[in-house]
Amino acid sequence: VRRPRYANPARDNYRQEVGDDEASDPLHYGRSLIDLIAQTPGQE
């Protein structure tokens, strides 16, 4: 709820328009890749 109010609005990622999910918006969702990282031995 509490968010930064950057003087430069270009820094504010809350203004970004995003798609519905990873399939429709692969630039803003990454759950499948995070799962892959977690499944790989030795990765934090």
PDB file of all heavy atoms in Angstrom:
ATOM      1  N   VAL A   1       0.842  -1.192   0.000  1.00  0.00           N
ATOM      2  CA  VAL A   1       0.000   0.000   0.000  1.00  0.00           C
ATOM      3  C   VAL A   1       0.881   1.248   0.000  1.00  0.00           C
ATOM      4  O   VAL A   1       0.621   2.219  -0.715  1.00  0.00           O
ATOM      5  CB  VAL A   1      -0.945  -0.005   1.218  1.00  0.00           C
ATOM      6  CG1 VAL A   1      -1.722   1.304   1.291  1.00  0.00           C
ATOM      7  CG2 VAL A   1      -1.889  -1.199   1.157  1.00  0.00           C
ATOM      8  N   ARG A   2       1.924   1.206   0.820  1.00  0.00           N
ATOM      9  CA  ARG A   2       2.857   2.326   0.887  1.00  0.00           C
ATOM     10  C   ARG A   2       3.864   2.196  -0.258  1.00  0.00           C
ATOM     11  O   ARG A   2       4.518   1.163  -0.398  1.00  0.00           O
ATOM     12  CB  ARG A   2       3.570   2.335   2.216  1.00  0.00           C
ATOM     13  CG  ARG A   2       4.558   3.471   2.343  1.00  0.00           C
ATOM     14  CD  ARG A   2       5.040   3.691   3.754  1.00  0.00           C
ATOM     15  NE  ARG A   2       5.750   4.949   3.827  1.00  0.00           N
ATOM     16  CZ  ARG A   2       5.750   5.756   4.870  1.00  0.00           C
ATOM     17  NH1 ARG A   2       5.038   5.440   5.942  1.00  0.00           N
ATOM     18  NH2 ARG A   2       6.438   6.882   4.861  1.00  0.00           N
ATOM     19  N   ARG A   3       3.991   3.237  -1.058  1.00  0.00           N
ATOM     20  CA  ARG A   3       4.859   3.177  -2.227  1.00  0.00           C
ATOM     21  C   ARG A   3       5.706   4.441  -2.328  1.00  0.00           C
ATOM     22  O   ARG A   3       5.290   5.504  -1.852  1.00  0.00           O
ATOM     23  CB  ARG A   3       4.021   3.027  -3.500  1.00  0.00           C
ATOM     24  CG  ARG A   3       3.154   1.776  -3.510  1.00  0.00           C
ATOM     25  CD  ARG A   3       2.252   1.728  -4.722  1.00  0.00           C
ATOM     26  NE  ARG A   3       1.409   0.525  -4.709  1.00  0.00           N
ATOM     27  CZ  ARG A   3       0.529   0.225  -5.647  1.00  0.00           C
ATOM     28  NH1 ARG A   3       0.362   1.056  -6.678  1.00  0.00           N
ATOM     29  NH2 ARG A   3      -0.181  -0.876  -5.569  1.00  0.00           N
ATOM     30  N   PRO A   4       6.856   4.337  -2.977  1.00  0.00           N
ATOM     31  CA  PRO A   4       7.668   5.536  -3.182  1.00  0.00           C
ATOM     32  C   PRO A   4       6.992   6.495  -4.151  1.00  0.00           C
ATOM     33  O   PRO A   4       6.225   6.077  -5.022  1.00  0.00           O
ATOM     34  CB  PRO A   4       8.968   4.980  -3.774  1.00  0.00           C
ATOM     35  CG  PRO A   4       8.558   3.702  -4.436  1.00  0.00           C
ATOM     36  CD  PRO A   4       7.468   3.130  -3.565  1.00  0.00           C
ATOM     37  N   ARG A   5       7.280   7.757  -3.973  1.00  0.00           N
ATOM     38  CA  ARG A   5       6.780   8.786  -4.888  1.00  0.00           C
ATOM     39  C   ARG A   5       7.990   9.479  -5.517  1.00  0.00           C
ATOM     40  O   ARG A   5       8.365  10.586  -5.139  1.00  0.00           O
ATOM     41  CB  ARG A   5       5.887   9.782  -4.148  1.00  0.00           C
ATOM     42  CG  ARG A   5       4.642   9.141  -3.560  1.00  0.00           C
ATOM     43  CD  ARG A   5       3.752  10.167  -2.887  1.00  0.00           C
ATOM     44  NE  ARG A   5       2.529   9.544  -2.366  1.00  0.00           N
ATOM     45  CZ  ARG A   5       1.559  10.216  -1.750  1.00  0.00           C
ATOM     46  NH1 ARG A   5       1.680  11.535  -1.573  1.00  0.00           N
ATOM     47  NH2 ARG A   5       0.497   9.579  -1.299  1.00  0.00           N
ATOM     48  N   TYR A   6       8.589   8.785  -6.461  1.00  0.00           N
ATOM     49  CA  TYR A   6       9.805   9.297  -7.073  1.00  0.00           C
ATOM     50  C   TYR A   6       9.555  10.635  -7.766  1.00  0.00           C
ATOM     51  O   TYR A   6       8.540  10.823  -8.455  1.00  0.00           O
ATOM     52  CB  TYR A   6      10.350   8.301  -8.102  1.00  0.00           C
ATOM     53  CG  TYR A   6      10.714   6.942  -7.550  1.00  0.00           C
ATOM     54  CD1 TYR A   6      10.119   5.783  -8.048  1.00  0.00           C
ATOM     55  CD2 TYR A   6      11.669   6.817  -6.545  1.00  0.00           C
ATOM     56  CE1 TYR A   6      10.458   4.534  -7.560  1.00  0.00           C
ATOM     57  CE2 TYR A   6      12.015   5.562  -6.046  1.00  0.00           C
ATOM     58  CZ  TYR A   6      11.404   4.430  -6.559  1.00  0.00           C
ATOM     59  OH  TYR A   6      11.747   3.189  -6.078  1.00  0.00           O
ATOM     60  N   ALA A   7      10.520  11.544  -7.607  1.00  0.00           N
ATOM     61  CA  ALA A   7      10.431  12.820  -8.311  1.00  0.00           C
ATOM     62  C   ALA A   7      10.464  12.610  -9.819  1.00  0.00           C
ATOM     63  O   ALA A   7       9.837  13.352 -10.575  1.00  0.00           O
ATOM     64  CB  ALA A   7      11.571  13.732  -7.863  1.00  0.00           C
ATOM     65  N   ASN A   8      11.193  11.578 -10.236  1.00  0.00           N
ATOM     66  CA  ASN A   8      11.239  11.204 -11.650  1.00  0.00           C
ATOM     67  C   ASN A   8      10.255  10.062 -11.877  1.00  0.00           C
ATOM     68  O   ASN A   8      10.525   8.919 -11.500  1.00  0.00           O
ATOM     69  CB  ASN A   8      12.648  10.772 -12.036  1.00  0.00           C
ATOM     70  CG  ASN A   8      12.776  10.395 -13.506  1.00  0.00           C
ATOM     71  OD1 ASN A   8      11.787  10.379 -14.242  1.00  0.00           O
ATOM     72  ND2 ASN A   8      13.975  10.075 -13.938  1.00  0.00           N
ATOM     73  N   PRO A   9       9.100  10.337 -12.470  1.00  0.00           N
ATOM     74  CA  PRO A   9       8.077   9.282 -12.622  1.00  0.00           C
ATOM     75  C   PRO A   9       8.528   8.106 -13.472  1.00  0.00           C
ATOM     76  O   PRO A   9       7.938   7.024 -13.379  1.00  0.00           O
ATOM     77  CB  PRO A   9       6.904  10.021 -13.274  1.00  0.00           C
ATOM     78  CG  PRO A   9       7.496  11.236 -13.902  1.00  0.00           C
ATOM     79  CD  PRO A   9       8.652  11.619 -13.039  1.00  0.00           C
ATOM     80  N   ALA A  10       9.553   8.283 -14.292  1.00  0.00           N
ATOM     81  CA  ALA A  10      10.040   7.173 -15.113  1.00  0.00           C
ATOM     82  C   ALA A  10      10.584   6.036 -14.257  1.00  0.00           C
ATOM     83  O   ALA A  10      10.673   4.894 -14.721  1.00  0.00           O
ATOM     84  CB  ALA A  10      11.115   7.669 -16.075  1.00  0.00           C
ATOM     85  N   ARG A  11      10.955   6.345 -13.013  1.00  0.00           N
ATOM     86  CA  ARG A  11      11.492   5.309 -12.116  1.00  0.00           C
ATOM     87  C   ARG A  11      10.389   4.470 -11.469  1.00  0.00           C
ATOM     88  O   ARG A  11      10.672   3.443 -10.853  1.00  0.00           O
ATOM     89  CB  ARG A  11      12.315   5.966 -11.011  1.00  0.00           C
ATOM     90  CG  ARG A  11      13.508   6.784 -11.491  1.00  0.00           C
ATOM     91  CD  ARG A  11      14.668   5.900 -11.875  1.00  0.00           C
ATOM     92  NE  ARG A  11      15.896   6.670 -12.011  1.00  0.00           N
ATOM     93  CZ  ARG A  11      16.351   7.191 -13.139  1.00  0.00           C
ATOM     94  NH1 ARG A  11      15.684   6.982 -14.267  1.00  0.00           N
ATOM     95  NH2 ARG A  11      17.474   7.884 -13.165  1.00  0.00           N
ATOM     96  N   ASP A  12       9.152   4.900 -11.578  1.00  0.00           N
ATOM     97  CA  ASP A  12       8.045   4.281 -10.849  1.00  0.00           C
ATOM     98  C   ASP A  12       7.486   3.082 -11.609  1.00  0.00           C
ATOM     99  O   ASP A  12       6.693   3.227 -12.541  1.00  0.00           O
ATOM    100  CB  ASP A  12       6.946   5.319 -10.607  1.00  0.00           C
ATOM    101  CG  ASP A  12       5.840   4.794  -9.717  1.00  0.00           C
ATOM    102  OD1 ASP A  12       5.922   3.624  -9.281  1.00  0.00           O
ATOM    103  OD2 ASP A  12       4.887   5.544  -9.457  1.00  0.00           O
ATOM    104  N   ASN A  13       7.857   1.891 -11.187  1.00  0.00           N
ATOM    105  CA  ASN A  13       7.383   0.682 -11.863  1.00  0.00           C
ATOM    106  C   ASN A  13       5.905   0.391 -11.611  1.00  0.00           C
ATOM    107  O   ASN A  13       5.307  -0.429 -12.326  1.00  0.00           O
ATOM    108  CB  ASN A  13       8.228  -0.519 -11.444  1.00  0.00           C
ATOM    109  CG  ASN A  13       9.467  -0.667 -12.308  1.00  0.00           C
ATOM    110  OD1 ASN A  13       9.467  -0.289 -13.476  1.00  0.00           O
ATOM    111  ND2 ASN A  13      10.535  -1.208 -11.734  1.00  0.00           N
ATOM    112  N   TYR A  14       5.321   1.035 -10.618  1.00  0.00           N
ATOM    113  CA  TYR A  14       3.887   0.831 -10.387  1.00  0.00           C
ATOM    114  C   TYR A  14       3.051   1.438 -11.501  1.00  0.00           C
ATOM    115  O   TYR A  14       1.853   1.160 -11.608  1.00  0.00           O
ATOM    116  CB  TYR A  14       3.486   1.424  -9.035  1.00  0.00           C
ATOM    117  CG  TYR A  14       4.077   0.673  -7.871  1.00  0.00           C
ATOM    118  CD1 TYR A  14       5.175   1.179  -7.180  1.00  0.00           C
ATOM    119  CD2 TYR A  14       3.566  -0.562  -7.481  1.00  0.00           C
ATOM    120  CE1 TYR A  14       5.734   0.486  -6.121  1.00  0.00           C
ATOM    121  CE2 TYR A  14       4.114  -1.272  -6.420  1.00  0.00           C
ATOM    122  CZ  TYR A  14       5.207  -0.730  -5.743  1.00  0.00           C
ATOM    123  OH  TYR A  14       5.766  -1.435  -4.703  1.00  0.00           O
ATOM    124  N   ARG A  15       3.659   2.268 -12.322  1.00  0.00           N
ATOM    125  CA  ARG A  15       2.954   2.876 -13.452  1.00  0.00           C
ATOM    126  C   ARG A  15       2.959   1.970 -14.689  1.00  0.00           C
ATOM    127  O   ARG A  15       2.293   2.273 -15.681  1.00  0.00           O
ATOM    128  CB  ARG A  15       3.612   4.214 -13.812  1.00  0.00           C
ATOM    129  CG  ARG A  15       3.539   5.250 -12.713  1.00  0.00           C
ATOM    130  CD  ARG A  15       4.561   6.370 -12.925  1.00  0.00           C
ATOM    131  NE  ARG A  15       4.352   7.063 -14.176  1.00  0.00           N
ATOM    132  CZ  ARG A  15       3.686   8.206 -14.310  1.00  0.00           C
ATOM    133  NH1 ARG A  15       3.154   8.786 -13.241  1.00  0.00           N
ATOM    134  NH2 ARG A  15       3.542   8.782 -15.483  1.00  0.00           N
ATOM    135  N   GLN A  16       3.707   0.870 -14.625  1.00  0.00           N
ATOM    136  CA  GLN A  16       3.826   0.000 -15.790  1.00  0.00           C
ATOM    137  C   GLN A  16       2.531  -0.764 -16.061  1.00  0.00           C
ATOM    138  O   GLN A  16       1.863  -1.240 -15.134  1.00  0.00           O
ATOM    139  CB  GLN A  16       4.954  -1.017 -15.569  1.00  0.00           C
ATOM    140  CG  GLN A  16       6.351  -0.426 -15.561  1.00  0.00           C
ATOM    141  CD  GLN A  16       6.721   0.147 -16.909  1.00  0.00           C
ATOM    142  OE1 GLN A  16       6.535  -0.485 -17.945  1.00  0.00           O
ATOM    143  NE2 GLN A  16       7.246   1.363 -16.898  1.00  0.00           N
ATOM    144  N   GLU A  17       2.194  -0.869 -17.313  1.00  0.00           N
ATOM    145  CA  GLU A  17       1.061  -1.707 -17.711  1.00  0.00           C
ATOM    146  C   GLU A  17       1.567  -3.132 -17.930  1.00  0.00           C
ATOM    147  O   GLU A  17       2.556  -3.343 -18.629  1.00  0.00           O
ATOM    148  CB  GLU A  17       0.430  -1.174 -18.992  1.00  0.00           C
ATOM    149  CG  GLU A  17      -0.231   0.197 -18.838  1.00  0.00           C
ATOM    150  CD  GLU A  17      -0.947   0.636 -20.098  1.00  0.00           C
ATOM    151  OE1 GLU A  17      -1.045  -0.179 -21.043  1.00  0.00           O
ATOM    152  OE2 GLU A  17      -1.407   1.789 -20.138  1.00  0.00           O
ATOM    153  N   VAL A  18       0.897  -4.079 -17.315  1.00  0.00           N
ATOM    154  CA  VAL A  18       1.325  -5.468 -17.416  1.00  0.00           C
ATOM    155  C   VAL A  18       0.203  -6.324 -17.970  1.00  0.00           C
ATOM    156  O   VAL A  18      -0.979  -5.973 -17.874  1.00  0.00           O
ATOM    157  CB  VAL A  18       1.797  -6.023 -16.051  1.00  0.00           C
ATOM    158  CG1 VAL A  18       2.988  -5.215 -15.531  1.00  0.00           C
ATOM    159  CG2 VAL A  18       0.666  -6.019 -15.034  1.00  0.00           C
ATOM    160  N   GLY A  19       0.585  -7.483 -18.520  1.00  0.00           N
ATOM    161  CA  GLY A  19      -0.392  -8.410 -19.055  1.00  0.00           C
ATOM    162  C   GLY A  19      -1.015  -9.263 -17.967  1.00  0.00           C
ATOM    163  O   GLY A  19      -0.807  -9.043 -16.765  1.00  0.00           O
ATOM    164  N   ASP A  20      -1.750 -10.267 -18.396  1.00  0.00           N
ATOM    165  CA  ASP A  20      -2.486 -11.097 -17.449  1.00  0.00           C
ATOM    166  C   ASP A  20      -1.603 -12.105 -16.732  1.00  0.00           C
ATOM    167  O   ASP A  20      -1.830 -12.416 -15.566  1.00  0.00           O
ATOM    168  CB  ASP A  20      -3.614 -11.837 -18.167  1.00  0.00           C
ATOM    169  CG  ASP A  20      -4.698 -10.896 -18.677  1.00  0.00           C
ATOM    170  OD1 ASP A  20      -4.903  -9.838 -18.040  1.00  0.00           O
ATOM    171  OD2 ASP A  20      -5.323 -11.201 -19.712  1.00  0.00           O
ATOM    172  N   ASP A  21      -0.595 -12.642 -17.447  1.00  0.00           N
ATOM    173  CA  ASP A  21       0.226 -13.695 -16.866  1.00  0.00           C
ATOM    174  C   ASP A  21       1.508 -13.841 -17.677  1.00  0.00           C
ATOM    175  O   ASP A  21       1.764 -13.058 -18.604  1.00  0.00           O
ATOM    176  CB  ASP A  21      -0.545 -15.016 -16.822  1.00  0.00           C
ATOM    177  CG  ASP A  21      -1.149 -15.393 -18.170  1.00  0.00           C
ATOM    178  OD1 ASP A  21      -0.599 -14.979 -19.226  1.00  0.00           O
ATOM    179  OD2 ASP A  21      -2.172 -16.100 -18.182  1.00  0.00           O
ATOM    180  N   GLU A  22       2.303 -14.848 -17.323  1.00  0.00           N
ATOM    181  CA  GLU A  22       3.605 -15.024 -17.967  1.00  0.00           C
ATOM    182  C   GLU A  22       3.476 -15.361 -19.449  1.00  0.00           C
ATOM    183  O   GLU A  22       4.297 -14.929 -20.267  1.00  0.00           O
ATOM    184  CB  GLU A  22       4.391 -16.117 -17.247  1.00  0.00           C
ATOM    185  CG  GLU A  22       5.848 -16.223 -17.654  1.00  0.00           C
ATOM    186  CD  GLU A  22       6.637 -17.169 -16.777  1.00  0.00           C
ATOM    187  OE1 GLU A  22       6.037 -17.766 -15.837  1.00  0.00           O
ATOM    188  OE2 GLU A  22       7.853 -17.327 -17.013  1.00  0.00           O
ATOM    189  N   ALA A  23       2.456 -16.104 -19.810  1.00  0.00           N
ATOM    190  CA  ALA A  23       2.281 -16.473 -21.217  1.00  0.00           C
ATOM    191  C   ALA A  23       2.005 -15.256 -22.088  1.00  0.00           C
ATOM    192  O   ALA A  23       2.503 -15.158 -23.215  1.00  0.00           O
ATOM    193  CB  ALA A  23       1.149 -17.490 -21.355  1.00  0.00           C
ATOM    194  N   SER A  24       1.225 -14.317 -21.562  1.00  0.00           N
ATOM    195  CA  SER A  24       0.868 -13.134 -22.346  1.00  0.00           C
ATOM    196  C   SER A  24       1.877 -12.005 -22.195  1.00  0.00           C
ATOM    197  O   SER A  24       1.924 -11.098 -23.035  1.00  0.00           O
ATOM    198  CB  SER A  24      -0.520 -12.631 -21.934  1.00  0.00           C
ATOM    199  OG  SER A  24      -0.517 -12.199 -20.577  1.00  0.00           O
ATOM    200  N   ASP A  25       2.687 -12.046 -21.126  1.00  0.00           N
ATOM    201  CA  ASP A  25       3.620 -10.953 -20.847  1.00  0.00           C
ATOM    202  C   ASP A  25       4.924 -11.511 -20.282  1.00  0.00           C
ATOM    203  O   ASP A  25       5.195 -11.430 -19.075  1.00  0.00           O
ATOM    204  CB  ASP A  25       2.973  -9.983 -19.847  1.00  0.00           C
ATOM    205  CG  ASP A  25       3.770  -8.697 -19.687  1.00  0.00           C
ATOM    206  OD1 ASP A  25       4.902  -8.630 -20.201  1.00  0.00           O
ATOM    207  OD2 ASP A  25       3.270  -7.763 -19.029  1.00  0.00           O
ATOM    208  N   PRO A  26       5.761 -12.076 -21.131  1.00  0.00           N
ATOM    209  CA  PRO A  26       6.994 -12.722 -20.659  1.00  0.00           C
ATOM    210  C   PRO A  26       8.068 -11.753 -20.176  1.00  0.00           C
ATOM    211  O   PRO A  26       9.079 -12.192 -19.630  1.00  0.00           O
ATOM    212  CB  PRO A  26       7.473 -13.481 -21.902  1.00  0.00           C
ATOM    213  CG  PRO A  26       6.920 -12.717 -23.058  1.00  0.00           C
ATOM    214  CD  PRO A  26       5.588 -12.215 -22.598  1.00  0.00           C
ATOM    215  N   LEU A  27       7.856 -10.459 -20.333  1.00  0.00           N
ATOM    216  CA  LEU A  27       8.826  -9.473 -19.859  1.00  0.00           C
ATOM    217  C   LEU A  27       8.574  -9.030 -18.417  1.00  0.00           C
ATOM    218  O   LEU A  27       9.453  -8.430 -17.799  1.00  0.00           O
ATOM    219  CB  LEU A  27       8.809  -8.235 -20.766  1.00  0.00           C
ATOM    220  CG  LEU A  27       9.484  -8.388 -22.123  1.00  0.00           C
ATOM    221  CD1 LEU A  27       9.224  -7.165 -22.978  1.00  0.00           C
ATOM    222  CD2 LEU A  27      10.988  -8.602 -21.956  1.00  0.00           C
ATOM    223  N   HIS A  28       7.379  -9.321 -17.883  1.00  0.00           N
ATOM    224  CA  HIS A  28       7.034  -8.832 -16.551  1.00  0.00           C
ATOM    225  C   HIS A  28       6.686  -9.937 -15.553  1.00  0.00           C
ATOM    226  O   HIS A  28       6.464  -9.653 -14.373  1.00  0.00           O
ATOM    227  CB  HIS A  28       5.870  -7.843 -16.642  1.00  0.00           C
ATOM    228  CG  HIS A  28       6.226  -6.573 -17.358  1.00  0.00           C
ATOM    229  ND1 HIS A  28       5.703  -6.232 -18.581  1.00  0.00           N
ATOM    230  CD2 HIS A  28       7.097  -5.593 -17.031  1.00  0.00           C
ATOM    231  CE1 HIS A  28       6.220  -5.071 -18.975  1.00  0.00           C
ATOM    232  NE2 HIS A  28       7.062  -4.666 -18.054  1.00  0.00           N
ATOM    233  N   TYR A  29       6.640 -11.171 -15.999  1.00  0.00           N
ATOM    234  CA  TYR A  29       6.410 -12.316 -15.120  1.00  0.00           C
ATOM    235  C   TYR A  29       7.536 -13.325 -15.355  1.00  0.00           C
ATOM    236  O   TYR A  29       7.999 -13.487 -16.487  1.00  0.00           O
ATOM    237  CB  TYR A  29       5.067 -12.989 -15.411  1.00  0.00           C
ATOM    238  CG  TYR A  29       3.852 -12.126 -15.180  1.00  0.00           C
ATOM    239  CD1 TYR A  29       3.331 -11.332 -16.206  1.00  0.00           C
ATOM    240  CD2 TYR A  29       3.203 -12.111 -13.943  1.00  0.00           C
ATOM    241  CE1 TYR A  29       2.202 -10.542 -16.010  1.00  0.00           C
ATOM    242  CE2 TYR A  29       2.075 -11.323 -13.740  1.00  0.00           C
ATOM    243  CZ  TYR A  29       1.584 -10.541 -14.773  1.00  0.00           C
ATOM    244  OH  TYR A  29       0.465  -9.759 -14.573  1.00  0.00           O
ATOM    245  N   GLY A  30       7.939 -14.008 -14.281  1.00  0.00           N
ATOM    246  CA  GLY A  30       9.047 -14.957 -14.455  1.00  0.00           C
ATOM    247  C   GLY A  30       8.964 -16.163 -13.552  1.00  0.00           C
ATOM    248  O   GLY A  30       9.984 -16.786 -13.246  1.00  0.00           O
ATOM    249  N   ARG A  31       7.741 -16.524 -13.134  1.00  0.00           N
ATOM    250  CA  ARG A  31       7.585 -17.608 -12.160  1.00  0.00           C
ATOM    251  C   ARG A  31       8.197 -18.915 -12.660  1.00  0.00           C
ATOM    252  O   ARG A  31       8.852 -19.651 -11.901  1.00  0.00           O
ATOM    253  CB  ARG A  31       6.105 -17.780 -11.830  1.00  0.00           C
ATOM    254  CG  ARG A  31       5.793 -18.885 -10.831  1.00  0.00           C
ATOM    255  CD  ARG A  31       6.309 -18.582  -9.426  1.00  0.00           C
ATOM    256  NE  ARG A  31       5.849 -19.620  -8.518  1.00  0.00           N
ATOM    257  CZ  ARG A  31       4.685 -19.573  -7.878  1.00  0.00           C
ATOM    258  NH1 ARG A  31       3.861 -18.541  -8.029  1.00  0.00           N
ATOM    259  NH2 ARG A  31       4.337 -20.546  -7.063  1.00  0.00           N
ATOM    260  N   SER A  32       8.009 -19.245 -13.929  1.00  0.00           N
ATOM    261  CA  SER A  32       8.548 -20.514 -14.447  1.00  0.00           C
ATOM    262  C   SER A  32      10.067 -20.524 -14.391  1.00  0.00           C
ATOM    263  O   SER A  32      10.685 -21.564 -14.110  1.00  0.00           O
ATOM    264  CB  SER A  32       8.062 -20.752 -15.874  1.00  0.00           C
ATOM    265  OG  SER A  32       8.638 -19.827 -16.781  1.00  0.00           O
ATOM    266  N   LEU A  33      10.689 -19.378 -14.644  1.00  0.00           N
ATOM    267  CA  LEU A  33      12.149 -19.306 -14.587  1.00  0.00           C
ATOM    268  C   LEU A  33      12.653 -19.378 -13.146  1.00  0.00           C
ATOM    269  O   LEU A  33      13.686 -20.001 -12.871  1.00  0.00           O
ATOM    270  CB  LEU A  33      12.633 -18.019 -15.259  1.00  0.00           C
ATOM    271  CG  LEU A  33      12.399 -17.933 -16.764  1.00  0.00           C
ATOM    272  CD1 LEU A  33      12.811 -16.554 -17.289  1.00  0.00           C
ATOM    273  CD2 LEU A  33      13.173 -19.027 -17.504  1.00  0.00           C
ATOM    274  N   ILE A  34      11.911 -18.750 -12.232  1.00  0.00           N
ATOM    275  CA  ILE A  34      12.292 -18.839 -10.812  1.00  0.00           C
ATOM    276  C   ILE A  34      12.211 -20.289 -10.342  1.00  0.00           C
ATOM    277  O   ILE A  34      13.093 -20.776  -9.625  1.00  0.00           O
ATOM    278  CB  ILE A  34      11.388 -17.935  -9.957  1.00  0.00           C
ATOM    279  CG1 ILE A  34      11.592 -16.470 -10.343  1.00  0.00           C
ATOM    280  CG2 ILE A  34      11.688 -18.126  -8.468  1.00  0.00           C
ATOM    281  CD1 ILE A  34      10.581 -15.523  -9.728  1.00  0.00           C
ATOM    282  N   ASP A  35      11.152 -20.986 -10.755  1.00  0.00           N
ATOM    283  CA  ASP A  35      11.033 -22.403 -10.384  1.00  0.00           C
ATOM    284  C   ASP A  35      12.207 -23.203 -10.935  1.00  0.00           C
ATOM    285  O   ASP A  35      12.741 -24.094 -10.261  1.00  0.00           O
ATOM    286  CB  ASP A  35       9.717 -22.971 -10.918  1.00  0.00           C
ATOM    287  CG  ASP A  35       8.492 -22.408 -10.202  1.00  0.00           C
ATOM    288  OD1 ASP A  35       8.664 -21.830  -9.109  1.00  0.00           O
ATOM    289  OD2 ASP A  35       7.383 -22.557 -10.740  1.00  0.00           O
ATOM    290  N   LEU A  36      12.632 -22.882 -12.146  1.00  0.00           N
ATOM    291  CA  LEU A  36      13.766 -23.572 -12.749  1.00  0.00           C
ATOM    292  C   LEU A  36      15.049 -23.297 -11.972  1.00  0.00           C
ATOM    293  O   LEU A  36      15.864 -24.204 -11.751  1.00  0.00           O
ATOM    294  CB  LEU A  36      13.918 -23.130 -14.205  1.00  0.00           C
ATOM    295  CG  LEU A  36      14.837 -23.950 -15.104  1.00  0.00           C
ATOM    296  CD1 LEU A  36      14.355 -25.391 -15.214  1.00  0.00           C
ATOM    297  CD2 LEU A  36      14.918 -23.306 -16.485  1.00  0.00           C
ATOM    298  N   ILE A  37      15.227 -22.058 -11.550  1.00  0.00           N
ATOM    299  CA  ILE A  37      16.395 -21.705 -10.735  1.00  0.00           C
ATOM    300  C   ILE A  37      16.396 -22.516  -9.445  1.00  0.00           C
ATOM    301  O   ILE A  37      17.404 -23.110  -9.062  1.00  0.00           O
ATOM    302  CB  ILE A  37      16.395 -20.189 -10.425  1.00  0.00           C
ATOM    303  CG1 ILE A  37      16.647 -19.371 -11.697  1.00  0.00           C
ATOM    304  CG2 ILE A  37      17.431 -19.843  -9.362  1.00  0.00           C
ATOM    305  CD1 ILE A  37      16.331 -17.895 -11.551  1.00  0.00           C
ATOM    306  N   ALA A  38      15.246 -22.537  -8.769  1.00  0.00           N
ATOM    307  CA  ALA A  38      15.152 -23.226  -7.484  1.00  0.00           C
ATOM    308  C   ALA A  38      15.370 -24.730  -7.610  1.00  0.00           C
ATOM    309  O   ALA A  38      15.845 -25.374  -6.672  1.00  0.00           O
ATOM    310  CB  ALA A  38      13.790 -22.946  -6.857  1.00  0.00           C
ATOM    311  N   GLN A  39      15.040 -25.292  -8.765  1.00  0.00           N
ATOM    312  CA  GLN A  39      15.202 -26.731  -8.978  1.00  0.00           C
ATOM    313  C   GLN A  39      16.634 -27.115  -9.346  1.00  0.00           C
ATOM    314  O   GLN A  39      16.957 -28.317  -9.384  1.00  0.00           O
ATOM    315  CB  GLN A  39      14.247 -27.189 -10.085  1.00  0.00           C
ATOM    316  CG  GLN A  39      12.770 -27.100  -9.705  1.00  0.00           C
ATOM    317  CD  GLN A  39      11.859 -27.126 -10.916  1.00  0.00           C
ATOM    318  OE1 GLN A  39      12.290 -27.374 -12.049  1.00  0.00           O
ATOM    319  NE2 GLN A  39      10.578 -26.832 -10.696  1.00  0.00           N
ATOM    320  N   THR A  40      17.468 -26.132  -9.615  1.00  0.00           N
ATOM    321  CA  THR A  40      18.845 -26.410 -10.015  1.00  0.00           C
ATOM    322  C   THR A  40      19.734 -26.444  -8.779  1.00  0.00           C
ATOM    323  O   THR A  40      19.739 -25.491  -7.993  1.00  0.00           O
ATOM    324  CB  THR A  40      19.354 -25.328 -10.987  1.00  0.00           C
ATOM    325  OG1 THR A  40      18.473 -25.273 -12.125  1.00  0.00           O
ATOM    326  CG2 THR A  40      20.763 -25.649 -11.460  1.00  0.00           C
ATOM    327  N   PRO A  41      20.486 -27.526  -8.561  1.00  0.00           N
ATOM    328  CA  PRO A  41      21.310 -27.642  -7.351  1.00  0.00           C
ATOM    329  C   PRO A  41      22.261 -26.457  -7.175  1.00  0.00           C
ATOM    330  O   PRO A  41      22.853 -25.967  -8.130  1.00  0.00           O
ATOM    331  CB  PRO A  41      22.091 -28.942  -7.588  1.00  0.00           C
ATOM    332  CG  PRO A  41      21.239 -29.725  -8.529  1.00  0.00           C
ATOM    333  CD  PRO A  41      20.593 -28.712  -9.424  1.00  0.00           C
ATOM    334  N   GLY A  42      22.364 -25.992  -5.931  1.00  0.00           N
ATOM    335  CA  GLY A  42      23.327 -24.964  -5.596  1.00  0.00           C
ATOM    336  C   GLY A  42      22.888 -23.537  -5.853  1.00  0.00           C
ATOM    337  O   GLY A  42      23.650 -22.599  -5.598  1.00  0.00           O
ATOM    338  N   GLN A  43      21.652 -23.344  -6.341  1.00  0.00           N
ATOM    339  CA  GLN A  43      21.209 -21.990  -6.679  1.00  0.00           C
ATOM    340  C   GLN A  43      20.373 -21.398  -5.543  1.00  0.00           C
ATOM    341  O   GLN A  43      19.460 -22.041  -5.027  1.00  0.00           O
ATOM    342  CB  GLN A  43      20.407 -22.001  -7.976  1.00  0.00           C
ATOM    343  CG  GLN A  43      21.112 -22.691  -9.136  1.00  0.00           C
ATOM    344  CD  GLN A  43      22.524 -22.190  -9.362  1.00  0.00           C
ATOM    345  OE1 GLN A  43      22.735 -21.007  -9.651  1.00  0.00           O
ATOM    346  NE2 GLN A  43      23.507 -23.075  -9.234  1.00  0.00           N
ATOM    347  N   GLU A  44      20.695 -20.170  -5.176  1.00  0.00           N
ATOM    348  CA  GLU A  44      19.975 -19.454  -4.132  1.00  0.00           C
ATOM    349  C   GLU A  44      19.032 -18.433  -4.766  1.00  0.00           C
ATOM    350  O   GLU A  44      19.455 -17.578  -5.536  1.00  0.00           O
ATOM    351  CB  GLU A  44      20.957 -18.716  -3.216  1.00  0.00           C
ATOM    352  CG  GLU A  44      20.267 -17.863  -2.156  1.00  0.00           C
ATOM    353  CD  GLU A  44      21.206 -16.902  -1.436  1.00  0.00           C
ATOM    354  OE1 GLU A  44      22.364 -16.748  -1.882  1.00  0.00           O
ATOM    355  OE2 GLU A  44      20.770 -16.295  -0.439  1.00  0.00           O
TER     356      GLU A  44
END
